[in-house]
Amino acid sequence: MAATTVFSLIFIFITIPSLLAAASSPPYLSAATFFRNHQNMLTSFRIFIYTPTKPFNFPDGPASLFYSSLVNSQFLTQNPNEAHLFFVPFSPDTSTHSLSRVVRQLRNAYPYWNRTLGADHFFLSPAGIDYSSDRNILELKKNSIQISVFPVVSGYFIPHKDITLPPISKFKIGDLNRMEENSTRWASFLGYLNWDGEIESNLVNELISDVDFLVEKKPEASINMRSKFCLFFYNGGGLPMMAEAMSLGCVPVVIVDRPIQDFPLMDVLRWSEISLLVKLLPRGGGVKRLKEVLGGISEEKYAEMRGLCVAASRHLVWNEESQPLDAFQMAMHHLWLKRHAVRYARKEFV
C-alpha cells in the first residue's frame, strides 16, 4: 500500500483553566546524577576520529549538525591512547560491501578495534544499519554504538547501546518567551499525520468525521501555543515537529503499535512522564480511546507534564554552533553514558 502523507491540525473546542508552565521537578531521571555526569563529560571526554577513506558530508539535518559539531568540538584528541571512544566516519550512502571494507581496514591498520571488537567505537548512520552475515558489519552492528536519527526502523536499533538524535525543530530557545502563560487555553489534539496502514487510516477517518475535531492542513505555531495535547503517529512523518510542540507546552501523545525504546536521551529524560504512548487497535474506536486516555489526565498531572515538556525541549534544540546543554551536547552526554555499555573479550565472541 502506498504511503499517504497528510499534515494536519486536529483540535477539540473545550476551554480549561490556565495551567502553570514551570515543572515542579526537573525532566531528568536523576538531576544530581545528570549534572555530575555532564560536568565529567565536559572536562574528561576524549574522542579519536579515524581519517575517512574519502571526503564526505551528511545531508542537511541532525546528522549533519552532529558531525560538524563533533569535528569542531573540544572532545577531540589526536592521541588515541587517551581516547574513551573511537569514531568511525563513513558516508550515509556507503554500501554494505564498502562498509565491510572500512571496518576491515581499521582492524588491520590499527590495534584499537581488535582490543574490544569495536565495543569502544561509535558511528553515525542517520537511518541505522541492519544485521549482516559479514563478520565486520556484524561486529560493528552488535558491538559499536550506533547514532541515528529518531525514529529508527524496527530492528535497526539496539536499546542498551545505541542512541538517537532529536529531529530538527525550527524553534529556538528564545521562542519559549512567546508562550502565553496566563491565557485561557483550548484543550486540543494537535496532530501532524503521516499514515500508511489500517490502524492509522481508521483513526484518521474517525478524527475527520468526529464533530468535536477540526482538521487543518497547515498547522500554525499560534495554534500550537493554545494546544493541550499534540498527536503524532510514531511511524509518521510528523515526529520532527514533536520537539517544537513541546517547546510551546504541548504534551506529545504518540500513537504506537509496539513499545518505544529509541526516544532521544532515553537514559536522561523522564519520557514516561513527559509524553503519553497510546496503542490503538485496528477495529476502530480510536477517537473514543484517545478521549478516555486524555480525559483521565488530571489538571494537576497535566500541568506537571506540560512543565516537563518545556524544560525537556531545551535539550532538543540544534544550533549551528553548539551551545551549553543543546542537542549536540546532550547527544555527547548520552554517548558518554554509553561508553561502557558493551565490552567483549576476543575469546568470548562467537
C-alpha atoms as a PDB file:
ATOM      1  CA  MET A   1       0.000   0.000   0.000  1.00  0.00           C
ATOM      2  CA  ALA A   2       1.483   3.339  -0.992  1.00  0.00           C
ATOM      3  CA  ALA A   3       2.223   5.754   1.830  1.00  0.00           C
ATOM      4  CA  THR A   4      -0.182   8.657   2.170  1.00  0.00           C
ATOM      5  CA  THR A   5       1.113  11.836   3.776  1.00  0.00           C
ATOM      6  CA  VAL A   6      -1.129  14.453   5.341  1.00  0.00           C
ATOM      7  CA  PHE A   7      -0.024  17.127   7.772  1.00  0.00           C
ATOM      8  CA  SER A   8      -2.967  18.151   9.901  1.00  0.00           C
ATOM      9  CA  LEU A   9      -4.047  20.126  12.901  1.00  0.00           C
ATOM     10  CA  ILE A  10      -6.702  18.441  14.995  1.00  0.00           C
ATOM     11  CA  PHE A  11      -8.297  20.198  17.921  1.00  0.00           C
ATOM     12  CA  ILE A  12     -11.358  19.940  20.142  1.00  0.00           C
ATOM     13  CA  PHE A  13     -13.057  23.063  21.492  1.00  0.00           C
ATOM     14  CA  ILE A  14     -13.161  22.736  25.276  1.00  0.00           C
ATOM     15  CA  THR A  15     -11.886  25.577  27.443  1.00  0.00           C
ATOM     16  CA  ILE A  16      -9.848  24.829  30.561  1.00  0.00           C
ATOM     17  CA  PRO A  17      -8.284  26.970  33.292  1.00  0.00           C
ATOM     18  CA  SER A  18      -4.815  28.348  32.672  1.00  0.00           C
ATOM     19  CA  LEU A  19      -2.051  25.990  33.772  1.00  0.00           C
ATOM     20  CA  LEU A  20       1.399  26.558  35.169  1.00  0.00           C
ATOM     21  CA  ALA A  21       4.153  26.091  32.592  1.00  0.00           C
ATOM     22  CA  ALA A  22       7.027  25.534  35.013  1.00  0.00           C
ATOM     23  CA  ALA A  23       7.697  21.948  36.037  1.00  0.00           C
ATOM     24  CA  SER A  24       7.681  21.296  39.775  1.00  0.00           C
ATOM     25  CA  SER A  25      10.571  18.882  39.218  1.00  0.00           C
ATOM     26  CA  PRO A  26      13.358  18.611  36.613  1.00  0.00           C
ATOM     27  CA  PRO A  27      12.805  16.491  33.468  1.00  0.00           C
ATOM     28  CA  TYR A  28      15.737  14.194  34.293  1.00  0.00           C
ATOM     29  CA  LEU A  29      15.647  10.669  35.653  1.00  0.00           C
ATOM     30  CA  SER A  30      18.083  11.944  38.298  1.00  0.00           C
ATOM     31  CA  ALA A  31      19.011  15.613  38.326  1.00  0.00           C
ATOM     32  CA  ALA A  32      22.014  15.179  40.625  1.00  0.00           C
ATOM     33  CA  THR A  33      23.394  12.325  38.515  1.00  0.00           C
ATOM     34  CA  PHE A  34      22.733  14.219  35.303  1.00  0.00           C
ATOM     35  CA  PHE A  35      24.658  17.349  36.280  1.00  0.00           C
ATOM     36  CA  ARG A  36      27.513  15.350  37.792  1.00  0.00           C
ATOM     37  CA  ASN A  37      27.855  13.214  34.651  1.00  0.00           C
ATOM     38  CA  HIS A  38      27.546  16.234  32.394  1.00  0.00           C
ATOM     39  CA  GLN A  39      30.367  18.078  34.137  1.00  0.00           C
ATOM     40  CA  ASN A  40      32.568  14.970  33.965  1.00  0.00           C
ATOM     41  CA  MET A  41      31.745  14.639  30.270  1.00  0.00           C
ATOM     42  CA  LEU A  42      32.653  18.252  29.523  1.00  0.00           C
ATOM     43  CA  THR A  43      36.013  18.047  31.289  1.00  0.00           C
ATOM     44  CA  SER A  44      37.085  14.456  30.577  1.00  0.00           C
ATOM     45  CA  PHE A  45      35.513  13.039  27.401  1.00  0.00           C
ATOM     46  CA  ARG A  46      38.023  12.394  24.610  1.00  0.00           C
ATOM     47  CA  ILE A  47      37.287  11.018  21.147  1.00  0.00           C
ATOM     48  CA  PHE A  48      39.664   9.911  18.429  1.00  0.00           C
ATOM     49  CA  ILE A  49      38.370  10.185  14.853  1.00  0.00           C
ATOM     50  CA  TYR A  50      39.758   7.884  12.193  1.00  0.00           C
ATOM     51  CA  THR A  51      40.642   9.561   8.912  1.00  0.00           C
ATOM     52  CA  PRO A  52      37.842   8.892   6.384  1.00  0.00           C
ATOM     53  CA  THR A  53      38.820   6.883   3.323  1.00  0.00           C
ATOM     54  CA  LYS A  54      37.424   9.749   1.221  1.00  0.00           C
ATOM     55  CA  PRO A  55      35.823  13.137   1.957  1.00  0.00           C
ATOM     56  CA  PHE A  56      32.063  13.137   2.525  1.00  0.00           C
ATOM     57  CA  ASN A  57      29.241  15.115   4.086  1.00  0.00           C
ATOM     58  CA  PHE A  58      25.930  14.248   5.670  1.00  0.00           C
ATOM     59  CA  PRO A  59      22.802  15.775   4.135  1.00  0.00           C
ATOM     60  CA  ASP A  60      21.182  18.656   5.981  1.00  0.00           C
ATOM     61  CA  GLY A  61      19.664  17.558   9.256  1.00  0.00           C
ATOM     62  CA  PRO A  62      20.586  16.366  12.745  1.00  0.00           C
ATOM     63  CA  ALA A  63      23.342  14.054  11.438  1.00  0.00           C
ATOM     64  CA  SER A  64      24.982  16.927   9.588  1.00  0.00           C
ATOM     65  CA  LEU A  65      24.861  19.220  12.622  1.00  0.00           C
ATOM     66  CA  PHE A  66      26.134  16.484  14.921  1.00  0.00           C
ATOM     67  CA  TYR A  67      29.033  15.648  12.611  1.00  0.00           C
ATOM     68  CA  SER A  68      30.082  19.255  12.033  1.00  0.00           C
ATOM     69  CA  SER A  69      29.827  19.997  15.761  1.00  0.00           C
ATOM     70  CA  LEU A  70      31.847  16.900  16.624  1.00  0.00           C
ATOM     71  CA  VAL A  71      34.770  17.628  14.290  1.00  0.00           C
ATOM     72  CA  ASN A  72      34.974  21.167  15.689  1.00  0.00           C
ATOM     73  CA  SER A  73      34.445  20.245  19.335  1.00  0.00           C
ATOM     74  CA  GLN A  74      36.592  20.253  22.438  1.00  0.00           C
ATOM     75  CA  PHE A  75      36.217  16.484  22.756  1.00  0.00           C
ATOM     76  CA  LEU A  76      38.676  15.503  20.020  1.00  0.00           C
ATOM     77  CA  THR A  77      42.126  14.150  20.693  1.00  0.00           C
ATOM     78  CA  GLN A  78      44.998  13.369  18.351  1.00  0.00           C
ATOM     79  CA  ASN A  79      46.295  10.812  20.846  1.00  0.00           C
ATOM     80  CA  PRO A  80      44.305   7.555  20.521  1.00  0.00           C
ATOM     81  CA  ASN A  81      45.784   6.287  23.773  1.00  0.00           C
ATOM     82  CA  GLU A  82      43.793   8.841  25.770  1.00  0.00           C
ATOM     83  CA  ALA A  83      40.556   8.326  23.858  1.00  0.00           C
ATOM     84  CA  HIS A  84      37.466   6.932  25.565  1.00  0.00           C
ATOM     85  CA  LEU A  85      35.780   6.226  22.231  1.00  0.00           C
ATOM     86  CA  PHE A  86      36.789   5.978  18.568  1.00  0.00           C
ATOM     87  CA  PHE A  87      34.608   7.447  15.838  1.00  0.00           C
ATOM     88  CA  VAL A  88      34.279   5.520  12.563  1.00  0.00           C
ATOM     89  CA  PRO A  89      33.321   8.038   9.846  1.00  0.00           C
ATOM     90  CA  PHE A  90      31.636   6.918   6.638  1.00  0.00           C
ATOM     91  CA  SER A  91      29.145   8.346   4.168  1.00  0.00           C
ATOM     92  CA  PRO A  92      25.451   7.584   4.833  1.00  0.00           C
ATOM     93  CA  ASP A  93      25.167   6.041   1.350  1.00  0.00           C
ATOM     94  CA  THR A  94      28.055   3.602   1.902  1.00  0.00           C
ATOM     95  CA  SER A  95      27.235   0.141   0.523  1.00  0.00           C
ATOM     96  CA  THR A  96      27.395  -2.998   2.650  1.00  0.00           C
ATOM     97  CA  HIS A  97      30.481  -4.164   0.795  1.00  0.00           C
ATOM     98  CA  SER A  98      32.264  -0.840   1.234  1.00  0.00           C
ATOM     99  CA  LEU A  99      31.322  -0.622   4.919  1.00  0.00           C
ATOM    100  CA  SER A 100      32.806  -4.062   5.497  1.00  0.00           C
ATOM    101  CA  ARG A 101      35.994  -2.853   3.850  1.00  0.00           C
ATOM    102  CA  VAL A 102      36.109   0.196   6.144  1.00  0.00           C
ATOM    103  CA  VAL A 103      35.976  -1.985   9.263  1.00  0.00           C
ATOM    104  CA  ARG A 104      38.488  -4.450   7.830  1.00  0.00           C
ATOM    105  CA  GLN A 105      40.935  -1.623   7.207  1.00  0.00           C
ATOM    106  CA  LEU A 106      40.558  -0.421  10.795  1.00  0.00           C
ATOM    107  CA  ARG A 107      41.126  -3.952  12.044  1.00  0.00           C
ATOM    108  CA  ASN A 108      44.323  -4.340  10.017  1.00  0.00           C
ATOM    109  CA  ALA A 109      45.784  -0.837  10.317  1.00  0.00           C
ATOM    110  CA  TYR A 110      45.125  -0.063  13.999  1.00  0.00           C
ATOM    111  CA  PRO A 111      45.245  -2.070  17.245  1.00  0.00           C
ATOM    112  CA  TYR A 112      42.172  -0.442  18.796  1.00  0.00           C
ATOM    113  CA  TRP A 113      39.328  -2.311  17.094  1.00  0.00           C
ATOM    114  CA  ASN A 114      40.663  -5.759  17.999  1.00  0.00           C
ATOM    115  CA  ARG A 115      41.013  -4.910  21.692  1.00  0.00           C
ATOM    116  CA  THR A 116      37.217  -4.881  22.146  1.00  0.00           C
ATOM    117  CA  LEU A 117      35.961  -5.977  18.719  1.00  0.00           C
ATOM    118  CA  GLY A 118      34.706  -2.451  18.191  1.00  0.00           C
ATOM    119  CA  ALA A 119      32.883  -2.007  21.513  1.00  0.00           C
ATOM    120  CA  ASP A 120      34.689   1.266  22.257  1.00  0.00           C
ATOM    121  CA  HIS A 121      33.822   2.606  18.802  1.00  0.00           C
ATOM    122  CA  PHE A 122      30.803   4.501  17.511  1.00  0.00           C
ATOM    123  CA  PHE A 123      29.438   5.501  14.132  1.00  0.00           C
ATOM    124  CA  LEU A 124      26.851   7.860  12.696  1.00  0.00           C
ATOM    125  CA  SER A 125      24.170   6.392  10.439  1.00  0.00           C
ATOM    126  CA  PRO A 126      21.006   8.541  10.160  1.00  0.00           C
ATOM    127  CA  ALA A 127      18.769   5.584   9.227  1.00  0.00           C
ATOM    128  CA  GLY A 128      20.690   2.926  11.160  1.00  0.00           C
ATOM    129  CA  ILE A 129      22.177  -0.279   9.769  1.00  0.00           C
ATOM    130  CA  ASP A 130      20.734  -3.774   9.626  1.00  0.00           C
ATOM    131  CA  TYR A 131      22.355  -7.047  10.632  1.00  0.00           C
ATOM    132  CA  SER A 132      24.598  -8.838   8.157  1.00  0.00           C
ATOM    133  CA  SER A 133      26.358 -12.179   7.966  1.00  0.00           C
ATOM    134  CA  ASP A 134      29.568 -10.324   7.147  1.00  0.00           C
ATOM    135  CA  ARG A 135      31.855 -10.505  10.184  1.00  0.00           C
ATOM    136  CA  ASN A 136      32.992  -6.889  10.003  1.00  0.00           C
ATOM    137  CA  ILE A 137      29.484  -5.435   9.796  1.00  0.00           C
ATOM    138  CA  LEU A 138      28.202  -7.878  12.411  1.00  0.00           C
ATOM    139  CA  GLU A 139      30.803  -6.645  14.894  1.00  0.00           C
ATOM    140  CA  LEU A 140      30.009  -3.039  14.018  1.00  0.00           C
ATOM    141  CA  LYS A 141      26.266  -3.654  14.457  1.00  0.00           C
ATOM    142  CA  LYS A 142      26.451  -5.726  17.649  1.00  0.00           C
ATOM    143  CA  ASN A 143      29.288  -4.007  19.479  1.00  0.00           C
ATOM    144  CA  SER A 144      29.760  -0.410  18.359  1.00  0.00           C
ATOM    145  CA  ILE A 145      27.463   2.423  19.431  1.00  0.00           C
ATOM    146  CA  GLN A 146      25.165   3.478  16.620  1.00  0.00           C
ATOM    147  CA  ILE A 147      23.976   7.077  16.459  1.00  0.00           C
ATOM    148  CA  SER A 148      20.912   7.523  14.259  1.00  0.00           C
ATOM    149  CA  VAL A 149      18.044   9.977  13.874  1.00  0.00           C
ATOM    150  CA  PHE A 150      14.771   9.425  15.736  1.00  0.00           C
ATOM    151  CA  PRO A 151      12.678   7.453  14.896  1.00  0.00           C
ATOM    152  CA  VAL A 152      14.597   4.365  13.776  1.00  0.00           C
ATOM    153  CA  VAL A 153      13.278   1.440  11.750  1.00  0.00           C
ATOM    154  CA  SER A 154      12.389  -1.511  13.979  1.00  0.00           C
ATOM    155  CA  GLY A 155      15.316  -3.925  14.179  1.00  0.00           C
ATOM    156  CA  TYR A 156      17.891  -1.265  13.316  1.00  0.00           C
ATOM    157  CA  PHE A 157      18.193  -0.070  16.926  1.00  0.00           C
ATOM    158  CA  ILE A 158      19.704  -1.888  19.939  1.00  0.00           C
ATOM    159  CA  PRO A 159      18.421  -0.106  23.083  1.00  0.00           C
ATOM    160  CA  HIS A 160      21.187  -0.955  25.544  1.00  0.00           C
ATOM    161  CA  LYS A 161      23.910   0.667  23.450  1.00  0.00           C
ATOM    162  CA  ASP A 162      22.510   2.773  20.574  1.00  0.00           C
ATOM    163  CA  ILE A 163      21.315   6.360  20.777  1.00  0.00           C
ATOM    164  CA  THR A 164      19.159   8.644  18.628  1.00  0.00           C
ATOM    165  CA  LEU A 165      19.422  12.301  17.731  1.00  0.00           C
ATOM    166  CA  PRO A 166      16.360  14.525  18.140  1.00  0.00           C
ATOM    167  CA  PRO A 167      14.892  15.830  14.879  1.00  0.00           C
ATOM    168  CA  ILE A 168      15.496  19.458  13.985  1.00  0.00           C
ATOM    169  CA  SER A 169      12.939  21.986  15.178  1.00  0.00           C
ATOM    170  CA  LYS A 170      12.709  25.434  13.664  1.00  0.00           C
ATOM    171  CA  PHE A 171      12.122  26.906  17.109  1.00  0.00           C
ATOM    172  CA  LYS A 172      14.978  28.223  19.222  1.00  0.00           C
ATOM    173  CA  ILE A 173      15.189  28.745  22.957  1.00  0.00           C
ATOM    174  CA  GLY A 174      14.138  32.393  22.570  1.00  0.00           C
ATOM    175  CA  ASP A 175      10.791  31.326  21.163  1.00  0.00           C
ATOM    176  CA  LEU A 176       9.823  29.943  24.559  1.00  0.00           C
ATOM    177  CA  ASN A 177       9.251  33.527  25.645  1.00  0.00           C
ATOM    178  CA  ARG A 178       6.255  33.613  23.292  1.00  0.00           C
ATOM    179  CA  MET A 179       4.252  31.239  25.488  1.00  0.00           C
ATOM    180  CA  GLU A 180       1.018  32.697  26.838  1.00  0.00           C
ATOM    181  CA  GLU A 181       1.402  31.522  30.391  1.00  0.00           C
ATOM    182  CA  ASN A 182      -1.747  33.048  31.859  1.00  0.00           C
ATOM    183  CA  SER A 183      -4.168  32.867  28.949  1.00  0.00           C
ATOM    184  CA  THR A 184      -7.170  30.588  28.664  1.00  0.00           C
ATOM    185  CA  ARG A 185      -6.148  27.646  26.502  1.00  0.00           C
ATOM    186  CA  TRP A 186      -8.042  25.194  24.340  1.00  0.00           C
ATOM    187  CA  ALA A 187      -7.995  21.518  25.233  1.00  0.00           C
ATOM    188  CA  SER A 188      -6.683  20.485  21.857  1.00  0.00           C
ATOM    189  CA  PHE A 189      -5.494  17.496  19.922  1.00  0.00           C
ATOM    190  CA  LEU A 190      -2.760  18.689  17.585  1.00  0.00           C
ATOM    191  CA  GLY A 191      -1.602  16.181  15.001  1.00  0.00           C
ATOM    192  CA  TYR A 192       0.844  16.142  12.133  1.00  0.00           C
ATOM    193  CA  LEU A 193      -0.269  12.962  10.464  1.00  0.00           C
ATOM    194  CA  ASN A 194       1.557  10.615   8.109  1.00  0.00           C
ATOM    195  CA  TRP A 195      -0.138   7.274   7.926  1.00  0.00           C
ATOM    196  CA  ASP A 196       0.054   4.072   5.937  1.00  0.00           C
ATOM    197  CA  GLY A 197      -1.905   1.186   7.347  1.00  0.00           C
ATOM    198  CA  GLU A 198      -5.228   0.039   8.747  1.00  0.00           C
ATOM    199  CA  ILE A 199      -4.838   1.413  12.280  1.00  0.00           C
ATOM    200  CA  GLU A 200      -3.757   4.850  11.120  1.00  0.00           C
ATOM    201  CA  SER A 201      -6.369   5.067   8.373  1.00  0.00           C
ATOM    202  CA  ASN A 202      -9.186   4.112  10.729  1.00  0.00           C
ATOM    203  CA  LEU A 203      -8.125   6.697  13.290  1.00  0.00           C
ATOM    204  CA  VAL A 204      -7.711   9.443  10.718  1.00  0.00           C
ATOM    205  CA  ASN A 205     -11.157   8.742   9.267  1.00  0.00           C
ATOM    206  CA  GLU A 206     -12.660   8.891  12.760  1.00  0.00           C
ATOM    207  CA  LEU A 207     -10.902  12.169  13.532  1.00  0.00           C
ATOM    208  CA  ILE A 208     -12.114  13.748  10.316  1.00  0.00           C
ATOM    209  CA  SER A 209     -15.705  12.621  10.847  1.00  0.00           C
ATOM    210  CA  ASP A 210     -15.904  13.474  14.565  1.00  0.00           C
ATOM    211  CA  VAL A 211     -17.800  16.739  15.107  1.00  0.00           C
ATOM    212  CA  ASP A 212     -15.531  17.628  18.038  1.00  0.00           C
ATOM    213  CA  PHE A 213     -12.471  17.833  15.793  1.00  0.00           C
ATOM    214  CA  LEU A 214     -11.381  20.268  13.150  1.00  0.00           C
ATOM    215  CA  VAL A 215      -8.653  19.118  10.747  1.00  0.00           C
ATOM    216  CA  GLU A 216      -6.431  21.767   9.162  1.00  0.00           C
ATOM    217  CA  LYS A 217      -3.714  21.017   6.607  1.00  0.00           C
ATOM    218  CA  LYS A 218      -1.367  23.838   7.587  1.00  0.00           C
ATOM    219  CA  PRO A 219      -0.774  23.895  11.369  1.00  0.00           C
ATOM    220  CA  GLU A 220       0.489  27.162  12.790  1.00  0.00           C
ATOM    221  CA  ALA A 221       2.540  27.922  15.878  1.00  0.00           C
ATOM    222  CA  SER A 222      -0.186  30.204  17.222  1.00  0.00           C
ATOM    223  CA  ILE A 223      -2.481  27.188  17.464  1.00  0.00           C
ATOM    224  CA  ASN A 224       0.312  25.054  18.944  1.00  0.00           C
ATOM    225  CA  MET A 225       0.604  27.577  21.743  1.00  0.00           C
ATOM    226  CA  ARG A 226      -3.064  27.113  22.651  1.00  0.00           C
ATOM    227  CA  SER A 227      -2.993  23.320  22.296  1.00  0.00           C
ATOM    228  CA  LYS A 228      -3.103  20.946  25.203  1.00  0.00           C
ATOM    229  CA  PHE A 229      -2.091  17.664  23.580  1.00  0.00           C
ATOM    230  CA  CYS A 230      -0.190  17.100  20.322  1.00  0.00           C
ATOM    231  CA  LEU A 231      -0.966  13.898  18.470  1.00  0.00           C
ATOM    232  CA  PHE A 232       1.663  12.041  16.445  1.00  0.00           C
ATOM    233  CA  PHE A 233       1.980   8.651  14.804  1.00  0.00           C
ATOM    234  CA  TYR A 234       5.261   7.004  15.799  1.00  0.00           C
ATOM    235  CA  ASN A 235       5.806   5.804  12.233  1.00  0.00           C
ATOM    236  CA  GLY A 236       4.614   9.083  10.747  1.00  0.00           C
ATOM    237  CA  GLY A 237       6.399  11.999   9.193  1.00  0.00           C
ATOM    238  CA  GLY A 238       5.385  14.486  11.863  1.00  0.00           C
ATOM    239  CA  LEU A 239       7.736  13.491  14.670  1.00  0.00           C
ATOM    240  CA  PRO A 240      10.228  16.245  13.772  1.00  0.00           C
ATOM    241  CA  MET A 241       7.514  18.616  14.986  1.00  0.00           C
ATOM    242  CA  MET A 242       7.384  16.987  18.424  1.00  0.00           C
ATOM    243  CA  ALA A 243      10.229  18.990  19.989  1.00  0.00           C
ATOM    244  CA  GLU A 244       8.710  22.128  18.513  1.00  0.00           C
ATOM    245  CA  ALA A 245       5.314  21.369  20.039  1.00  0.00           C
ATOM    246  CA  MET A 246       6.921  20.519  23.403  1.00  0.00           C
ATOM    247  CA  SER A 247       8.722  23.862  23.479  1.00  0.00           C
ATOM    248  CA  LEU A 248       5.313  25.521  23.296  1.00  0.00           C
ATOM    249  CA  GLY A 249       3.948  23.494  26.201  1.00  0.00           C
ATOM    250  CA  CYS A 250       2.041  20.932  24.142  1.00  0.00           C
ATOM    251  CA  VAL A 251       2.200  17.415  25.634  1.00  0.00           C
ATOM    252  CA  PRO A 252       3.034  14.815  22.936  1.00  0.00           C
ATOM    253  CA  VAL A 253       0.661  11.893  22.518  1.00  0.00           C
ATOM    254  CA  VAL A 254       2.314   9.242  20.368  1.00  0.00           C
ATOM    255  CA  ILE A 255       0.219   6.559  18.661  1.00  0.00           C
ATOM    256  CA  VAL A 256       2.252   3.343  18.774  1.00  0.00           C
ATOM    257  CA  ASP A 257       1.970  -0.286  17.758  1.00  0.00           C
ATOM    258  CA  ARG A 258       4.810  -1.561  19.973  1.00  0.00           C
ATOM    259  CA  PRO A 259       6.965  -0.447  22.942  1.00  0.00           C
ATOM    260  CA  ILE A 260       9.150   2.549  22.068  1.00  0.00           C
ATOM    261  CA  GLN A 261      12.818   2.280  23.015  1.00  0.00           C
ATOM    262  CA  ASP A 262      14.502   4.859  20.803  1.00  0.00           C
ATOM    263  CA  PHE A 263      13.310   8.208  22.160  1.00  0.00           C
ATOM    264  CA  PRO A 264      16.206  10.696  22.192  1.00  0.00           C
ATOM    265  CA  LEU A 265      18.040  10.846  25.534  1.00  0.00           C
ATOM    266  CA  MET A 266      16.208   7.809  26.896  1.00  0.00           C
ATOM    267  CA  ASP A 267      18.858   7.409  29.627  1.00  0.00           C
ATOM    268  CA  VAL A 268      18.473  11.018  30.730  1.00  0.00           C
ATOM    269  CA  LEU A 269      14.917  12.319  30.293  1.00  0.00           C
ATOM    270  CA  ARG A 270      11.735  11.104  32.003  1.00  0.00           C
ATOM    271  CA  TRP A 271       9.872  10.330  28.785  1.00  0.00           C
ATOM    272  CA  SER A 272       7.268   8.255  30.628  1.00  0.00           C
ATOM    273  CA  GLU A 273       6.187  11.440  32.439  1.00  0.00           C
ATOM    274  CA  ILE A 274       6.797  13.835  29.554  1.00  0.00           C
ATOM    275  CA  SER A 275       4.719  12.027  26.924  1.00  0.00           C
ATOM    276  CA  LEU A 276       1.782   9.662  26.534  1.00  0.00           C
ATOM    277  CA  LEU A 277       2.011   6.496  24.463  1.00  0.00           C
ATOM    278  CA  VAL A 278      -1.341   5.207  23.217  1.00  0.00           C
ATOM    279  CA  LYS A 279      -1.776   1.863  21.482  1.00  0.00           C
ATOM    280  CA  LEU A 280      -4.867   1.624  19.289  1.00  0.00           C
ATOM    281  CA  LEU A 281      -6.470  -1.462  17.786  1.00  0.00           C
ATOM    282  CA  PRO A 282      -7.333  -1.792  14.066  1.00  0.00           C
ATOM    283  CA  ARG A 283     -11.008  -2.468  14.727  1.00  0.00           C
ATOM    284  CA  GLY A 284     -11.792   1.224  15.228  1.00  0.00           C
ATOM    285  CA  GLY A 285     -12.923   3.268  18.179  1.00  0.00           C
ATOM    286  CA  GLY A 286      -9.672   5.175  18.196  1.00  0.00           C
ATOM    287  CA  VAL A 287     -11.110   8.612  18.946  1.00  0.00           C
ATOM    288  CA  LYS A 288     -13.109   7.233  21.858  1.00  0.00           C
ATOM    289  CA  ARG A 289      -9.981   5.543  23.179  1.00  0.00           C
ATOM    290  CA  LEU A 290      -7.991   8.782  22.853  1.00  0.00           C
ATOM    291  CA  LYS A 291     -10.626  10.778  24.697  1.00  0.00           C
ATOM    292  CA  GLU A 292     -10.654   8.202  27.512  1.00  0.00           C
ATOM    293  CA  VAL A 293      -6.869   8.337  27.895  1.00  0.00           C
ATOM    294  CA  LEU A 294      -6.560  12.107  27.697  1.00  0.00           C
ATOM    295  CA  GLY A 295      -9.638  12.674  29.802  1.00  0.00           C
ATOM    296  CA  GLY A 296      -8.044  10.579  32.530  1.00  0.00           C
ATOM    297  CA  ILE A 297      -5.191  13.062  32.935  1.00  0.00           C
ATOM    298  CA  SER A 298      -5.919  15.306  35.902  1.00  0.00           C
ATOM    299  CA  GLU A 299      -5.325  19.052  35.714  1.00  0.00           C
ATOM    300  CA  GLU A 300      -2.511  18.696  38.259  1.00  0.00           C
ATOM    301  CA  LYS A 301      -0.858  15.891  36.303  1.00  0.00           C
ATOM    302  CA  TYR A 302      -1.217  17.757  33.036  1.00  0.00           C
ATOM    303  CA  ALA A 303       0.355  20.911  34.493  1.00  0.00           C
ATOM    304  CA  GLU A 304       3.322  18.815  35.615  1.00  0.00           C
ATOM    305  CA  MET A 305       3.677  17.140  32.210  1.00  0.00           C
ATOM    306  CA  ARG A 306       3.444  20.461  30.405  1.00  0.00           C
ATOM    307  CA  GLY A 307       6.206  21.929  32.555  1.00  0.00           C
ATOM    308  CA  LEU A 308       8.388  18.887  31.963  1.00  0.00           C
ATOM    309  CA  CYS A 309       7.824  19.223  28.207  1.00  0.00           C
ATOM    310  CA  VAL A 310       9.009  22.822  28.137  1.00  0.00           C
ATOM    311  CA  ALA A 311      12.044  22.008  30.305  1.00  0.00           C
ATOM    312  CA  ALA A 312      12.986  18.940  28.258  1.00  0.00           C
ATOM    313  CA  SER A 313      12.574  20.745  24.937  1.00  0.00           C
ATOM    314  CA  ARG A 314      15.525  22.972  25.772  1.00  0.00           C
ATOM    315  CA  HIS A 315      17.747  19.910  25.291  1.00  0.00           C
ATOM    316  CA  LEU A 316      16.292  19.081  21.862  1.00  0.00           C
ATOM    317  CA  VAL A 317      17.329  22.307  20.122  1.00  0.00           C
ATOM    318  CA  TRP A 318      20.033  22.192  17.440  1.00  0.00           C
ATOM    319  CA  ASN A 319      22.339  25.139  16.845  1.00  0.00           C
ATOM    320  CA  GLU A 320      24.785  25.805  14.015  1.00  0.00           C
ATOM    321  CA  GLU A 321      27.371  26.390  16.736  1.00  0.00           C
ATOM    322  CA  SER A 322      26.754  24.188  19.750  1.00  0.00           C
ATOM    323  CA  GLN A 323      25.514  25.846  22.931  1.00  0.00           C
ATOM    324  CA  PRO A 324      25.519  24.537  26.529  1.00  0.00           C
ATOM    325  CA  LEU A 325      23.005  21.743  27.058  1.00  0.00           C
ATOM    326  CA  ASP A 326      21.698  21.863  23.480  1.00  0.00           C
ATOM    327  CA  ALA A 327      21.013  18.809  21.314  1.00  0.00           C
ATOM    328  CA  PHE A 328      24.673  18.253  20.397  1.00  0.00           C
ATOM    329  CA  GLN A 329      25.938  18.468  23.963  1.00  0.00           C
ATOM    330  CA  MET A 330      23.134  16.210  25.131  1.00  0.00           C
ATOM    331  CA  ALA A 331      23.967  13.668  22.417  1.00  0.00           C
ATOM    332  CA  MET A 332      27.562  13.725  23.643  1.00  0.00           C
ATOM    333  CA  HIS A 333      26.282  13.283  27.188  1.00  0.00           C
ATOM    334  CA  HIS A 334      24.313  10.233  26.089  1.00  0.00           C
ATOM    335  CA  LEU A 335      27.373   8.911  24.276  1.00  0.00           C
ATOM    336  CA  TRP A 336      29.427   9.405  27.427  1.00  0.00           C
ATOM    337  CA  LEU A 337      26.927   7.298  29.378  1.00  0.00           C
ATOM    338  CA  LYS A 338      27.028   4.549  26.737  1.00  0.00           C
ATOM    339  CA  ARG A 339      30.818   4.268  26.589  1.00  0.00           C
ATOM    340  CA  HIS A 340      30.777   1.256  28.925  1.00  0.00           C
ATOM    341  CA  ALA A 341      27.636  -0.351  27.503  1.00  0.00           C
ATOM    342  CA  VAL A 342      29.375  -3.282  25.793  1.00  0.00           C
ATOM    343  CA  ARG A 343      32.749  -4.870  26.320  1.00  0.00           C
ATOM    344  CA  TYR A 344      33.728  -8.178  24.716  1.00  0.00           C
ATOM    345  CA  ALA A 345      36.964 -10.054  25.208  1.00  0.00           C
ATOM    346  CA  ARG A 346      38.052 -11.626  21.934  1.00  0.00           C
ATOM    347  CA  LYS A 347      37.754 -15.185  23.227  1.00  0.00           C
ATOM    348  CA  GLU A 348      34.141 -14.570  24.309  1.00  0.00           C
ATOM    349  CA  PHE A 349      32.942 -13.520  20.880  1.00  0.00           C
ATOM    350  CA  VAL A 350      31.462 -16.210  18.651  1.00  0.00           C
END
